[in-house]
Amino acid sequence: MANNAVHGDGKYKFGDKLATEDRVVLMISGSVSLLLFAFGLAFAMIALMRMKQHGRKGILGHALAGLMINGVIIGLMATLAILSLLQ
């Protein structure tokens, strides 16, 4: 079993390293998250554009919710990235 634990200060430890010390893992997980949110945003836009062919029923609400949720999350991620670069 792996030596994974949560310390009292809330930091995760994977093996011998703290998760905050392993920048490569953080960059990969952040990039994958951003990619998934970007795909969600793109698929929501595609669903909105295809409504004429398939009708509004059952598509409009889900597409708008996906567009708003993914847009807000990507906006927050971009804001946090810019703020962290300015420090």
N, C-alpha and C. Protein backbone atom coordinates (compact mmCIF):
# COMPACT_ATOMS: atom_id res chain seq x y z
N MET A 1 0.84 -1.18 0.00
CA MET A 1 0.00 0.00 0.00
C MET A 1 0.89 1.25 0.00
N ALA A 2 0.47 2.27 -0.69
CA ALA A 2 1.26 3.48 -0.82
C ALA A 2 1.29 4.25 0.50
N ASN A 3 2.32 5.04 0.66
CA ASN A 3 2.49 5.84 1.86
C ASN A 3 1.88 7.21 1.64
N ASN A 4 0.55 7.27 1.48
CA ASN A 4 -0.16 8.52 1.25
C ASN A 4 -0.87 8.91 2.53
N ALA A 5 -0.73 10.17 2.93
CA ALA A 5 -1.34 10.60 4.18
C ALA A 5 -1.65 12.10 4.10
N VAL A 6 -2.56 12.52 4.96
CA VAL A 6 -2.85 13.94 5.11
C VAL A 6 -2.24 14.38 6.43
N HIS A 7 -1.42 15.43 6.37
CA HIS A 7 -0.81 15.95 7.58
C HIS A 7 -1.78 16.86 8.31
N GLY A 8 -1.46 17.21 9.53
CA GLY A 8 -2.32 18.07 10.33
C GLY A 8 -2.54 19.44 9.72
N ASP A 9 -1.61 19.92 8.91
CA ASP A 9 -1.77 21.23 8.29
C ASP A 9 -2.55 21.17 6.97
N GLY A 10 -3.11 20.00 6.63
CA GLY A 10 -3.94 19.86 5.44
C GLY A 10 -3.17 19.57 4.17
N LYS A 11 -1.86 19.36 4.26
CA LYS A 11 -1.07 19.06 3.06
C LYS A 11 -1.03 17.57 2.83
N TYR A 12 -1.13 17.18 1.57
CA TYR A 12 -1.10 15.77 1.21
C TYR A 12 0.33 15.32 0.98
N LYS A 13 0.65 14.13 1.44
CA LYS A 13 1.98 13.59 1.23
C LYS A 13 1.86 12.33 0.38
N PHE A 14 2.61 12.29 -0.72
CA PHE A 14 2.65 11.14 -1.60
C PHE A 14 4.06 10.58 -1.55
N GLY A 15 4.21 9.43 -0.94
CA GLY A 15 5.56 8.86 -0.79
C GLY A 15 6.39 9.73 0.13
N ASP A 16 7.50 10.22 -0.38
CA ASP A 16 8.38 11.06 0.44
C ASP A 16 8.22 12.55 0.16
N LYS A 17 7.36 12.94 -0.76
CA LYS A 17 7.22 14.34 -1.14
C LYS A 17 5.84 14.87 -0.75
N LEU A 18 5.80 16.14 -0.42
CA LEU A 18 4.52 16.80 -0.25
C LEU A 18 3.98 17.14 -1.64
N ALA A 19 2.67 17.08 -1.81
CA ALA A 19 2.06 17.33 -3.12
C ALA A 19 2.36 18.74 -3.60
N THR A 20 2.50 19.69 -2.69
CA THR A 20 2.78 21.07 -3.10
C THR A 20 4.20 21.23 -3.59
N GLU A 21 5.07 20.28 -3.30
CA GLU A 21 6.46 20.36 -3.75
C GLU A 21 6.65 19.76 -5.13
N ASP A 22 5.76 18.95 -5.60
CA ASP A 22 5.90 18.28 -6.88
C ASP A 22 5.17 19.08 -7.95
N ARG A 23 5.85 20.04 -8.55
CA ARG A 23 5.23 20.96 -9.49
C ARG A 23 4.79 20.28 -10.79
N VAL A 24 5.48 19.24 -11.18
CA VAL A 24 5.11 18.55 -12.42
C VAL A 24 3.73 17.91 -12.28
N VAL A 25 3.48 17.27 -11.16
CA VAL A 25 2.18 16.64 -10.92
C VAL A 25 1.08 17.70 -10.87
N LEU A 26 1.37 18.82 -10.24
CA LEU A 26 0.38 19.89 -10.16
C LEU A 26 0.11 20.49 -11.54
N MET A 27 1.15 20.65 -12.36
CA MET A 27 0.95 21.18 -13.70
C MET A 27 0.14 20.22 -14.57
N ILE A 28 0.42 18.94 -14.47
CA ILE A 28 -0.32 17.95 -15.26
C ILE A 28 -1.78 17.90 -14.83
N SER A 29 -2.04 17.86 -13.54
CA SER A 29 -3.43 17.79 -13.07
C SER A 29 -4.19 19.08 -13.40
N GLY A 30 -3.52 20.22 -13.30
CA GLY A 30 -4.16 21.48 -13.67
C GLY A 30 -4.47 21.55 -15.16
N SER A 31 -3.54 21.07 -15.97
CA SER A 31 -3.74 21.07 -17.42
C SER A 31 -4.87 20.14 -17.83
N VAL A 32 -4.92 18.98 -17.22
CA VAL A 32 -6.01 18.03 -17.52
C VAL A 32 -7.35 18.62 -17.11
N SER A 33 -7.40 19.26 -15.95
CA SER A 33 -8.65 19.89 -15.50
C SER A 33 -9.08 20.98 -16.46
N LEU A 34 -8.14 21.83 -16.86
CA LEU A 34 -8.47 22.90 -17.79
C LEU A 34 -8.95 22.35 -19.12
N LEU A 35 -8.32 21.29 -19.58
CA LEU A 35 -8.72 20.66 -20.84
C LEU A 35 -10.15 20.10 -20.75
N LEU A 36 -10.48 19.47 -19.63
CA LEU A 36 -11.83 18.93 -19.46
C LEU A 36 -12.87 20.04 -19.42
N PHE A 37 -12.56 21.14 -18.73
CA PHE A 37 -13.50 22.26 -18.68
C PHE A 37 -13.64 22.92 -20.06
N ALA A 38 -12.54 23.00 -20.81
CA ALA A 38 -12.60 23.56 -22.15
C ALA A 38 -13.45 22.69 -23.08
N PHE A 39 -13.31 21.36 -22.96
CA PHE A 39 -14.16 20.47 -23.75
C PHE A 39 -15.63 20.64 -23.36
N GLY A 40 -15.92 20.78 -22.07
CA GLY A 40 -17.29 21.01 -21.63
C GLY A 40 -17.87 22.28 -22.21
N LEU A 41 -17.04 23.33 -22.23
CA LEU A 41 -17.47 24.61 -22.80
C LEU A 41 -17.73 24.46 -24.31
N ALA A 42 -16.84 23.77 -25.00
CA ALA A 42 -17.00 23.57 -26.45
C ALA A 42 -18.24 22.73 -26.75
N PHE A 43 -18.46 21.67 -25.99
CA PHE A 43 -19.62 20.83 -26.23
C PHE A 43 -20.92 21.56 -25.93
N ALA A 44 -20.92 22.45 -24.94
CA ALA A 44 -22.11 23.25 -24.66
C ALA A 44 -22.41 24.18 -25.82
N MET A 45 -21.37 24.78 -26.40
CA MET A 45 -21.58 25.65 -27.56
C MET A 45 -22.08 24.86 -28.76
N ILE A 46 -21.54 23.68 -28.96
CA ILE A 46 -21.99 22.83 -30.06
C ILE A 46 -23.46 22.45 -29.87
N ALA A 47 -23.84 22.13 -28.64
CA ALA A 47 -25.24 21.79 -28.37
C ALA A 47 -26.16 22.96 -28.65
N LEU A 48 -25.74 24.17 -28.30
CA LEU A 48 -26.56 25.35 -28.58
C LEU A 48 -26.69 25.58 -30.08
N MET A 49 -25.63 25.35 -30.83
CA MET A 49 -25.68 25.55 -32.27
C MET A 49 -26.53 24.49 -32.98
N ARG A 50 -26.62 23.30 -32.42
CA ARG A 50 -27.36 22.20 -33.05
C ARG A 50 -28.83 22.15 -32.64
N MET A 51 -29.28 23.13 -31.84
CA MET A 51 -30.68 23.12 -31.39
C MET A 51 -31.67 23.23 -32.55
N LYS A 52 -31.30 23.92 -33.62
CA LYS A 52 -32.22 24.07 -34.74
C LYS A 52 -32.55 22.71 -35.36
N GLN A 53 -31.57 21.83 -35.38
CA GLN A 53 -31.77 20.51 -36.00
C GLN A 53 -32.56 19.57 -35.09
N HIS A 54 -32.36 19.67 -33.79
CA HIS A 54 -32.93 18.68 -32.87
C HIS A 54 -34.02 19.24 -31.95
N GLY A 55 -34.27 20.53 -31.98
CA GLY A 55 -35.29 21.13 -31.14
C GLY A 55 -34.73 21.57 -29.79
N ARG A 56 -35.50 22.43 -29.12
CA ARG A 56 -35.03 22.99 -27.85
C ARG A 56 -35.24 22.07 -26.65
N LYS A 57 -36.24 21.23 -26.74
CA LYS A 57 -36.65 20.43 -25.58
C LYS A 57 -35.51 19.54 -25.09
N GLY A 58 -35.12 19.72 -23.84
CA GLY A 58 -34.09 18.91 -23.22
C GLY A 58 -32.67 19.32 -23.54
N ILE A 59 -32.49 20.28 -24.45
CA ILE A 59 -31.14 20.68 -24.83
C ILE A 59 -30.78 22.05 -24.28
N LEU A 60 -31.68 23.00 -24.38
CA LEU A 60 -31.38 24.39 -24.04
C LEU A 60 -30.91 24.55 -22.60
N GLY A 61 -31.65 23.98 -21.67
CA GLY A 61 -31.27 24.13 -20.25
C GLY A 61 -29.93 23.52 -19.93
N HIS A 62 -29.70 22.31 -20.43
CA HIS A 62 -28.43 21.64 -20.16
C HIS A 62 -27.26 22.36 -20.82
N ALA A 63 -27.48 22.83 -22.04
CA ALA A 63 -26.42 23.53 -22.76
C ALA A 63 -26.07 24.85 -22.08
N LEU A 64 -27.09 25.60 -21.66
CA LEU A 64 -26.83 26.86 -20.97
C LEU A 64 -26.16 26.63 -19.62
N ALA A 65 -26.58 25.62 -18.90
CA ALA A 65 -25.94 25.31 -17.61
C ALA A 65 -24.49 24.92 -17.81
N GLY A 66 -24.22 24.07 -18.80
CA GLY A 66 -22.84 23.67 -19.08
C GLY A 66 -21.99 24.85 -19.52
N LEU A 67 -22.57 25.73 -20.31
CA LEU A 67 -21.85 26.91 -20.78
C LEU A 67 -21.50 27.83 -19.61
N MET A 68 -22.47 28.07 -18.73
CA MET A 68 -22.23 28.98 -17.60
C MET A 68 -21.26 28.38 -16.58
N ILE A 69 -21.48 27.13 -16.22
CA ILE A 69 -20.63 26.50 -15.20
C ILE A 69 -19.19 26.39 -15.68
N ASN A 70 -19.00 25.87 -16.89
CA ASN A 70 -17.65 25.73 -17.42
C ASN A 70 -17.00 27.09 -17.67
N GLY A 71 -17.78 28.06 -18.14
CA GLY A 71 -17.25 29.41 -18.36
C GLY A 71 -16.78 30.06 -17.06
N VAL A 72 -17.58 29.92 -16.01
CA VAL A 72 -17.19 30.50 -14.71
C VAL A 72 -15.94 29.82 -14.17
N ILE A 73 -15.87 28.51 -14.26
CA ILE A 73 -14.70 27.79 -13.74
C ILE A 73 -13.45 28.15 -14.53
N ILE A 74 -13.55 28.23 -15.85
CA ILE A 74 -12.39 28.61 -16.66
C ILE A 74 -11.99 30.05 -16.34
N GLY A 75 -12.96 30.93 -16.16
CA GLY A 75 -12.66 32.31 -15.78
C GLY A 75 -11.95 32.40 -14.44
N LEU A 76 -12.41 31.62 -13.47
CA LEU A 76 -11.74 31.61 -12.15
C LEU A 76 -10.33 31.05 -12.25
N MET A 77 -10.17 30.00 -13.03
CA MET A 77 -8.83 29.43 -13.20
C MET A 77 -7.89 30.42 -13.87
N ALA A 78 -8.38 31.14 -14.88
CA ALA A 78 -7.56 32.14 -15.56
C ALA A 78 -7.21 33.28 -14.63
N THR A 79 -8.17 33.73 -13.83
CA THR A 79 -7.92 34.81 -12.88
C THR A 79 -6.88 34.38 -11.85
N LEU A 80 -7.01 33.19 -11.31
CA LEU A 80 -6.04 32.70 -10.32
C LEU A 80 -4.65 32.53 -10.94
N ALA A 81 -4.60 32.07 -12.19
CA ALA A 81 -3.31 31.91 -12.86
C ALA A 81 -2.63 33.25 -13.07
N ILE A 82 -3.41 34.26 -13.48
CA ILE A 82 -2.83 35.58 -13.69
C ILE A 82 -2.36 36.19 -12.37
N LEU A 83 -3.18 36.05 -11.34
CA LEU A 83 -2.79 36.57 -10.02
C LEU A 83 -1.54 35.89 -9.47
N SER A 84 -1.41 34.59 -9.71
CA SER A 84 -0.23 33.89 -9.21
C SER A 84 1.02 34.29 -10.00
N LEU A 85 0.86 34.62 -11.27
CA LEU A 85 2.00 35.06 -12.06
C LEU A 85 2.46 36.47 -11.68
N LEU A 86 1.53 37.28 -11.20
CA LEU A 86 1.87 38.66 -10.83
C LEU A 86 2.59 38.74 -9.49
N GLN A 87 2.54 37.68 -8.70
CA GLN A 87 3.19 37.72 -7.38
C GLN A 87 4.64 37.42 -7.45
